């Protein structure tokens, strides 16, 4: 009986670990317009549970025309929902000003059960965030 329980715990922990391995990586979204305006979003999810975020905008007639914003903190995952947390003591300084606390994103990938030739790009879609311009942002994993 002890062996069966040990095997079940081992299998479930391996499943959780493999899911987290798929999520770890660099995500990017670049949007440009015909007026040469540029918006770039970059998110790095590290294996140690930390994340780094960089937003760059270059808008011709914006004030200021060029802008960089940064955020960092910790992330966790449960049922393909990634939760972000920023510690007010450690994660903020003059460079890192974005607060991702209470932000949630869905991890989307092709299901291992899907045997079709359909291509599903691995991505992170922000579902909710107190940073209003992050809602519905869809960032694709860099291969």
Protein backbone atom coordinates (compact mmCIF):
# COMPACT_ATOMS: atom_id res chain seq x y z
CA UNK A 1 0.00 0.00 0.00
CA UNK A 2 2.84 2.39 0.86
CA UNK A 3 4.47 1.70 -2.48
CA UNK A 4 1.27 2.53 -4.39
CA UNK A 5 0.85 5.82 -2.53
CA UNK A 6 4.51 6.70 -3.12
CA UNK A 7 4.19 5.98 -6.84
CA UNK A 8 1.03 8.10 -7.13
CA UNK A 9 2.67 11.03 -5.36
CA UNK A 10 5.74 10.73 -7.59
CA UNK A 11 3.65 10.67 -10.77
CA UNK A 12 1.56 13.68 -9.73
CA UNK A 13 4.65 15.71 -8.80
CA UNK A 14 6.24 14.89 -12.16
CA UNK A 15 3.11 16.09 -13.96
CA UNK A 16 3.12 19.39 -12.08
CA UNK A 17 6.85 19.86 -12.70
CA UNK A 18 6.53 19.13 -16.45
CA UNK A 19 3.69 21.67 -16.78
CA UNK A 20 5.83 24.32 -15.12
CA UNK A 21 8.73 23.48 -17.45
CA UNK A 22 6.52 24.23 -20.48
CA UNK A 23 5.60 27.64 -19.10
CA UNK A 24 9.15 28.77 -18.34
CA UNK A 25 10.63 30.92 -21.11
CA UNK A 26 10.58 34.22 -22.95
CA UNK A 27 7.35 35.72 -24.32
CA UNK A 28 7.11 38.61 -26.73
CA UNK A 29 4.57 40.77 -28.54
CA UNK A 30 5.47 43.52 -31.01
CA UNK A 31 2.86 45.81 -32.49
CA UNK A 32 3.61 48.39 -35.11
CA UNK A 33 1.50 50.76 -37.17
CA UNK A 34 1.93 52.21 -40.63
CA UNK A 35 2.75 55.53 -38.92
CA UNK A 36 5.91 53.85 -37.50
CA UNK A 37 4.54 53.72 -33.96
CA UNK A 38 5.92 50.74 -32.04
CA UNK A 39 4.78 48.85 -28.92
CA UNK A 40 6.84 45.96 -27.53
CA UNK A 41 5.99 43.70 -24.61
CA UNK A 42 8.56 41.24 -23.24
CA UNK A 43 8.00 38.79 -20.38
CA UNK A 44 10.57 36.36 -18.97
CA UNK A 45 9.25 33.57 -16.73
CA UNK A 46 12.20 31.97 -14.93
CA UNK A 47 12.35 28.46 -13.55
CA UNK A 48 12.96 29.78 -10.03
CA UNK A 49 9.47 31.35 -10.01
CA UNK A 50 10.54 34.92 -10.79
CA UNK A 51 9.52 37.07 -13.73
CA UNK A 52 10.77 40.18 -15.49
CA UNK A 53 8.64 42.38 -17.71
CA UNK A 54 9.65 45.16 -20.10
CA UNK A 55 7.31 47.44 -22.05
CA UNK A 56 8.72 49.73 -24.73
CA UNK A 57 6.73 52.26 -26.72
CA UNK A 58 7.86 54.60 -29.44
CA UNK A 59 4.93 56.78 -30.49
CA UNK A 60 5.71 59.62 -32.88
CA UNK A 61 3.44 62.23 -31.37
CA UNK A 62 3.36 60.84 -27.82
CA UNK A 63 4.51 62.72 -24.76
CA UNK A 64 7.19 61.48 -24.23
CA UNK A 65 7.62 59.89 -27.68
CA UNK A 66 9.71 57.02 -26.29
CA UNK A 67 8.92 55.17 -23.06
CA UNK A 68 10.26 52.14 -21.13
CA UNK A 69 8.44 50.51 -18.23
CA UNK A 70 9.64 47.58 -16.16
CA UNK A 71 8.17 45.14 -13.66
CA UNK A 72 9.38 42.11 -11.74
CA UNK A 73 8.25 39.72 -9.06
CA UNK A 74 7.19 36.11 -8.55
CA UNK A 75 4.77 33.85 -10.41
CA UNK A 76 2.89 30.64 -9.66
CA UNK A 77 0.74 28.41 -11.83
CA UNK A 78 -2.38 26.38 -11.12
CA UNK A 79 -4.63 24.85 -13.81
CA UNK A 80 -2.85 26.82 -16.56
CA UNK A 81 -3.58 30.13 -14.79
CA UNK A 82 -0.44 32.08 -13.96
CA UNK A 83 -0.67 34.41 -10.96
CA UNK A 84 1.80 37.26 -10.59
CA UNK A 85 2.93 38.89 -7.34
CA UNK A 86 5.20 41.87 -6.69
CA UNK A 87 6.70 42.44 -3.24
CA UNK A 88 6.53 46.12 -2.29
CA UNK A 89 9.81 45.82 -0.35
CA UNK A 90 11.96 43.94 -2.88
CA UNK A 91 10.51 44.36 -6.36
CA UNK A 92 10.22 48.13 -6.71
CA UNK A 93 12.83 50.80 -7.30
CA UNK A 94 13.28 53.69 -9.73
CA UNK A 95 13.54 51.26 -12.67
CA UNK A 96 10.96 48.61 -11.72
CA UNK A 97 7.72 50.52 -11.18
CA UNK A 98 4.96 48.27 -12.55
CA UNK A 99 2.94 46.38 -9.91
CA UNK A 100 1.77 43.01 -11.24
CA UNK A 101 0.12 41.99 -7.97
CA UNK A 102 -3.35 40.52 -8.66
CA UNK A 103 -2.51 39.97 -12.35
CA UNK A 104 -3.56 36.67 -13.88
CA UNK A 105 -2.79 35.15 -17.26
CA UNK A 106 -3.77 31.94 -19.03
CA UNK A 107 -1.08 29.67 -20.43
CA UNK A 108 -2.22 28.36 -23.82
CA UNK A 109 -0.53 25.50 -25.68
CA UNK A 110 -1.53 22.63 -27.93
CA UNK A 111 -2.97 19.79 -25.92
CA UNK A 112 -0.92 16.57 -26.00
CA UNK A 113 -4.19 14.79 -26.80
CA UNK A 114 -4.65 16.89 -29.97
CA UNK A 115 -3.25 14.69 -32.75
CA UNK A 116 -4.28 16.98 -35.62
CA UNK A 117 -1.89 19.02 -37.78
CA UNK A 118 -3.36 22.21 -36.35
CA UNK A 119 -0.71 24.70 -35.23
CA UNK A 120 -1.29 26.29 -31.83
CA UNK A 121 1.28 28.89 -30.84
CA UNK A 122 2.32 28.69 -27.20
CA UNK A 123 1.30 31.93 -25.52
CA UNK A 124 0.30 33.78 -22.37
CA UNK A 125 -2.93 35.79 -22.40
CA UNK A 126 -3.44 38.31 -19.59
CA UNK A 127 -6.97 37.92 -18.25
CA UNK A 128 -6.94 40.51 -15.51
CA UNK A 129 -4.51 43.08 -14.19
CA UNK A 130 -4.57 46.31 -12.26
CA UNK A 131 -2.31 47.64 -15.04
CA UNK A 132 -5.22 48.58 -17.32
CA UNK A 133 -3.31 48.31 -20.61
CA UNK A 134 -2.21 44.72 -19.84
CA UNK A 135 -5.73 43.26 -19.99
CA UNK A 136 -6.17 40.96 -23.02
CA UNK A 137 -2.49 41.27 -24.04
CA UNK A 138 -1.43 38.04 -25.77
CA UNK A 139 2.30 37.34 -25.75
CA UNK A 140 3.84 34.48 -27.74
CA UNK A 141 6.62 32.19 -26.55
CA UNK A 142 9.93 32.63 -28.32
CA UNK A 143 11.21 29.33 -29.72
